[in-house]
């Protein structure tokens, strides 16, 4: 049985999560509830749960404050929120689970299944270090990303060190500034959405480059030359916008 604590300032939300766990995830036992950050930290320290369902925004702080306050405890987290956009990049970059209100059965079961797998193969939980490192940083700050590797495990990378990403239907290749290649088990589309609004530019149907890594644009051959010596093809229709975006750095 997996012990869980539910932290949410809305009583109705806490009751719904507890009821859905009882009905759809019978191996999860809700051992305690809390209505704010202060109570949440106390319940975590008291019950030492393996899993915490954590609201993002509460009257006395955020879910990040709870994680910071209970940093000496070891547990997996599922964020539960109605406000995904505000903290979207911070959470997605860390690969910590997130479900949106109103909660549906499928989202809950998928999040719980991911937690089960991590509890079965416990690691260093560096995802939470990345999460707290990125919290409050803007797109211009040096942020980190957790890359779930296709062969298993996770890799922590500074986003500024990603030269380009290249994808297929179900996996994505990361090319780093030092020449290393990493394969993520997430699809290319996931990263095009994740990196939107950052300094990445999609140059064709399956590749996205980080603009500061461009060394030269060959307009005649429709090719990019990167600082890590990679050469990538660009489409004619993207050439002008790419050049303009690169020059604005």
Protein backbone atom coordinates (compact mmCIF):
# COMPACT_ATOMS: atom_id res chain seq x y z
CA UNK A 1 0.00 0.00 0.00
CA UNK A 2 1.32 3.46 -0.96
CA UNK A 3 0.74 6.13 1.69
CA UNK A 4 -0.43 9.50 0.36
CA UNK A 5 -1.06 12.98 1.74
CA UNK A 6 -3.45 15.38 -0.03
CA UNK A 7 -2.68 19.11 0.24
CA UNK A 8 -5.24 21.51 -1.20
CA UNK A 9 -6.93 24.62 0.18
CA UNK A 10 -10.33 23.49 -1.18
CA UNK A 11 -12.07 20.85 0.94
CA UNK A 12 -14.10 19.65 -2.01
CA UNK A 13 -10.96 19.05 -4.08
CA UNK A 14 -9.34 17.07 -1.28
CA UNK A 15 -12.44 14.91 -0.88
CA UNK A 16 -12.68 14.27 -4.62
CA UNK A 17 -9.05 13.14 -4.82
CA UNK A 18 -9.50 10.85 -1.81
CA UNK A 19 -12.69 9.36 -3.27
CA UNK A 20 -11.16 8.82 -6.72
CA UNK A 21 -8.10 7.16 -5.20
CA UNK A 22 -10.31 4.80 -3.23
CA UNK A 23 -12.32 3.95 -6.33
CA UNK A 24 -9.69 3.86 -9.09
CA UNK A 25 -6.35 3.44 -7.32
CA UNK A 26 -7.03 1.09 -4.38
CA UNK A 27 -3.32 0.60 -3.67
CA UNK A 28 -3.05 4.30 -2.69
CA UNK A 29 -4.10 5.09 0.88
CA UNK A 30 -4.81 8.74 1.74
CA UNK A 31 -3.46 8.87 5.29
CA UNK A 32 -3.86 12.63 5.84
CA UNK A 33 -5.08 15.90 4.36
CA UNK A 34 -3.99 19.53 4.73
CA UNK A 35 -5.56 22.85 3.72
CA UNK A 36 -2.44 25.02 3.37
CA UNK A 37 1.33 24.95 3.05
CA UNK A 38 2.08 25.07 6.77
CA UNK A 39 -0.28 22.20 7.55
CA UNK A 40 0.98 20.29 4.53
CA UNK A 41 4.59 20.40 5.66
CA UNK A 42 3.52 19.25 9.13
CA UNK A 43 1.47 16.32 7.73
CA UNK A 44 4.39 15.24 5.53
CA UNK A 45 6.79 15.25 8.46
CA UNK A 46 4.27 13.42 10.63
CA UNK A 47 3.21 10.68 8.21
CA UNK A 48 6.27 10.36 5.94
CA UNK A 49 4.17 9.56 2.86
CA UNK A 50 5.50 8.05 -0.34
CA UNK A 51 3.22 10.25 -2.45
CA UNK A 52 1.88 13.80 -2.07
CA UNK A 53 -0.96 15.27 -4.10
CA UNK A 54 -0.12 18.94 -4.04
CA UNK A 55 -2.10 22.02 -5.07
CA UNK A 56 0.03 24.67 -6.74
CA UNK A 57 -1.49 27.82 -5.29
CA UNK A 58 -2.73 28.16 -1.71
CA UNK A 59 -3.45 31.15 0.57
CA UNK A 60 -0.11 30.96 2.39
CA UNK A 61 2.15 30.04 -0.52
CA UNK A 62 2.68 27.59 -3.36
CA UNK A 63 3.35 23.91 -3.76
CA UNK A 64 6.99 24.82 -4.32
CA UNK A 65 7.06 26.24 -0.78
CA UNK A 66 5.82 22.89 0.53
CA UNK A 67 8.57 21.04 -1.32
CA UNK A 68 11.16 23.45 0.05
CA UNK A 69 9.83 23.17 3.59
CA UNK A 70 9.73 19.38 3.47
CA UNK A 71 12.96 18.99 1.55
CA UNK A 72 14.41 16.56 4.08
CA UNK A 73 11.59 14.10 3.36
CA UNK A 74 11.58 11.68 0.42
CA UNK A 75 8.36 11.31 -1.58
CA UNK A 76 6.93 11.55 -5.07
CA UNK A 77 4.66 14.46 -6.00
CA UNK A 78 1.64 14.86 -8.24
CA UNK A 79 0.73 18.52 -8.72
CA UNK A 80 -3.00 19.15 -8.98
CA UNK A 81 -4.04 22.53 -10.31
CA UNK A 82 -6.52 24.50 -12.36
CA UNK A 83 -3.77 26.92 -13.41
CA UNK A 84 -1.37 25.01 -15.64
CA UNK A 85 -0.01 27.86 -17.77
CA UNK A 86 1.64 29.89 -15.03
CA UNK A 87 3.96 27.10 -13.95
CA UNK A 88 3.85 24.97 -17.10
CA UNK A 89 7.52 25.17 -18.05
CA UNK A 90 8.78 24.83 -14.49
CA UNK A 91 6.92 21.57 -13.96
CA UNK A 92 7.26 20.08 -17.44
CA UNK A 93 11.00 20.71 -17.53
CA UNK A 94 11.40 18.69 -14.34
CA UNK A 95 9.27 15.68 -15.43
CA UNK A 96 7.25 15.90 -12.20
CA UNK A 97 3.67 14.71 -12.62
CA UNK A 98 0.86 17.23 -13.18
CA UNK A 99 -2.92 16.76 -13.52
CA UNK A 100 -5.51 19.45 -14.12
CA UNK A 101 -8.76 20.16 -12.34
CA UNK A 102 -11.40 18.95 -12.80
CA UNK A 103 -9.63 15.63 -12.34
CA UNK A 104 -10.59 12.79 -14.66
CA UNK A 105 -10.00 9.10 -14.11
CA UNK A 106 -7.50 8.64 -16.95
CA UNK A 107 -5.23 11.53 -15.89
CA UNK A 108 -5.22 10.34 -12.28
CA UNK A 109 -4.41 6.75 -13.18
CA UNK A 110 -1.64 7.80 -15.58
CA UNK A 111 -0.01 10.00 -12.94
CA UNK A 112 -0.28 7.28 -10.29
CA UNK A 113 1.18 4.69 -12.66
CA UNK A 114 4.20 6.93 -13.30
CA UNK A 115 4.64 7.30 -9.55
CA UNK A 116 4.41 3.53 -9.01
CA UNK A 117 7.19 2.96 -11.53
CA UNK A 118 9.44 5.49 -9.82
CA UNK A 119 8.74 4.03 -6.39
CA UNK A 120 9.60 0.57 -7.74
CA UNK A 121 12.94 1.91 -9.01
CA UNK A 122 13.91 4.65 -6.55
CA UNK A 123 16.67 7.04 -7.58
CA UNK A 124 18.18 10.29 -6.40
CA UNK A 125 15.01 12.29 -7.18
CA UNK A 126 17.04 14.96 -8.92
CA UNK A 127 13.85 16.02 -10.69
CA UNK A 128 12.92 17.99 -7.58
CA UNK A 129 16.30 19.73 -7.52
CA UNK A 130 15.63 20.80 -11.11
CA UNK A 131 12.08 21.87 -10.23
CA UNK A 132 13.20 24.13 -7.38
CA UNK A 133 16.18 25.41 -9.37
CA UNK A 134 13.89 26.55 -12.19
CA UNK A 135 11.17 28.02 -9.98
CA UNK A 136 10.94 31.77 -10.40
CA UNK A 137 13.42 31.93 -13.26
CA UNK A 138 12.52 33.63 -16.54
CA UNK A 139 13.13 32.29 -20.04
CA UNK A 140 16.39 34.28 -20.17
CA UNK A 141 17.81 32.68 -17.04
CA UNK A 142 19.89 29.49 -17.08
CA UNK A 143 17.41 26.70 -16.51
CA UNK A 144 17.70 22.94 -16.44
CA UNK A 145 15.71 20.11 -17.99
CA UNK A 146 15.22 16.48 -17.04
CA UNK A 147 15.49 14.29 -20.14
CA UNK A 148 13.84 10.86 -19.71
CA UNK A 149 16.20 8.60 -21.61
CA UNK A 150 14.90 6.01 -24.05
CA UNK A 151 17.15 3.33 -22.55
CA UNK A 152 15.96 4.15 -19.03
CA UNK A 153 16.95 6.63 -16.38
CA UNK A 154 17.12 10.40 -16.64
CA UNK A 155 19.70 12.99 -17.64
CA UNK A 156 19.93 16.53 -16.25
CA UNK A 157 21.01 19.15 -18.79
CA UNK A 158 21.28 22.93 -18.80
CA UNK A 159 18.92 24.19 -21.49
CA UNK A 160 21.57 26.61 -22.77
CA UNK A 161 23.73 23.58 -23.68
CA UNK A 162 21.13 22.09 -26.05
CA UNK A 163 22.25 22.81 -29.63
CA UNK A 164 19.27 21.22 -31.37
CA UNK A 165 16.62 18.53 -31.03
CA UNK A 166 15.55 16.09 -33.71
CA UNK A 167 12.50 13.92 -33.51
CA UNK A 168 10.33 11.17 -34.81
CA UNK A 169 6.90 9.93 -33.83
CA UNK A 170 7.79 8.60 -30.41
CA UNK A 171 11.37 9.68 -29.58
CA UNK A 172 13.57 12.78 -29.71
CA UNK A 173 17.32 13.13 -30.16
CA UNK A 174 19.11 15.86 -28.16
CA UNK A 175 22.39 17.21 -29.51
CA UNK A 176 24.38 19.05 -26.84
CA UNK A 177 27.02 21.74 -27.26
CA UNK A 178 29.79 19.28 -26.32
CA UNK A 179 28.76 16.89 -29.10
CA UNK A 180 26.95 14.38 -26.88
CA UNK A 181 23.77 12.81 -28.25
CA UNK A 182 20.90 11.76 -25.97
CA UNK A 183 17.67 10.04 -26.96
CA UNK A 184 14.50 10.95 -25.05
CA UNK A 185 11.52 8.65 -24.91
CA UNK A 186 9.20 11.63 -25.42
CA UNK A 187 8.02 12.59 -28.93
CA UNK A 188 9.31 15.62 -30.85
CA UNK A 189 5.94 17.36 -30.62
CA UNK A 190 6.23 17.40 -26.82
CA UNK A 191 9.42 19.45 -27.02
CA UNK A 192 8.18 21.82 -29.73
CA UNK A 193 5.41 22.77 -27.32
CA UNK A 194 7.71 22.82 -24.27
CA UNK A 195 10.31 25.08 -25.91
CA UNK A 196 7.76 27.46 -27.43
CA UNK A 197 8.51 31.02 -26.38
CA UNK A 198 12.14 30.20 -25.65
CA UNK A 199 15.15 30.69 -27.93
CA UNK A 200 14.40 27.65 -30.06
CA UNK A 201 13.31 27.79 -33.70
CA UNK A 202 11.88 24.93 -35.74
CA UNK A 203 13.86 24.80 -38.98
CA UNK A 204 12.02 21.92 -40.67
CA UNK A 205 9.45 19.23 -39.87
CA UNK A 206 11.68 17.27 -37.50
CA UNK A 207 14.38 19.59 -36.15
CA UNK A 208 14.46 22.55 -33.78
CA UNK A 209 17.62 24.58 -33.16
CA UNK A 210 18.55 26.85 -30.27
CA UNK A 211 19.43 30.18 -31.87
CA UNK A 212 22.62 31.04 -29.90
CA UNK A 213 24.19 27.80 -31.17
CA UNK A 214 24.05 28.94 -34.81
CA UNK A 215 27.49 29.90 -36.15
CA UNK A 216 26.57 30.58 -39.77
CA UNK A 217 23.55 30.47 -42.08
CA UNK A 218 24.25 29.41 -45.67
CA UNK A 219 21.35 30.94 -47.58
CA UNK A 220 22.36 29.42 -50.92
CA UNK A 221 22.61 25.83 -49.68
CA UNK A 222 19.82 26.29 -47.11
CA UNK A 223 22.00 24.99 -44.30
CA UNK A 224 22.83 25.96 -40.73
CA UNK A 225 26.32 25.55 -39.32
CA UNK A 226 26.34 25.22 -35.54
CA UNK A 227 29.14 25.84 -33.06
CA UNK A 228 29.29 22.12 -32.26
CA UNK A 229 30.10 21.51 -35.99
CA UNK A 230 26.67 20.09 -36.81
CA UNK A 231 25.20 21.03 -40.20
CA UNK A 232 21.40 21.12 -40.51
CA UNK A 233 19.06 21.69 -43.43
CA UNK A 234 16.47 24.45 -43.32
CA UNK A 235 13.40 24.94 -45.50
CA UNK A 236 13.18 27.86 -47.91
CA UNK A 237 10.06 29.24 -46.27
CA UNK A 238 11.68 29.34 -42.82
CA UNK A 239 14.95 30.92 -43.93
CA UNK A 240 13.97 34.58 -43.68
CA UNK A 241 12.23 34.36 -40.30
CA UNK A 242 15.08 32.28 -38.88
CA UNK A 243 17.68 34.81 -40.02
CA UNK A 244 15.69 37.68 -38.50
CA UNK A 245 15.27 35.86 -35.18
CA UNK A 246 18.98 34.95 -35.07
CA UNK A 247 20.08 38.53 -35.72
CA UNK A 248 17.90 39.81 -32.88
CA UNK A 249 19.86 37.88 -30.25
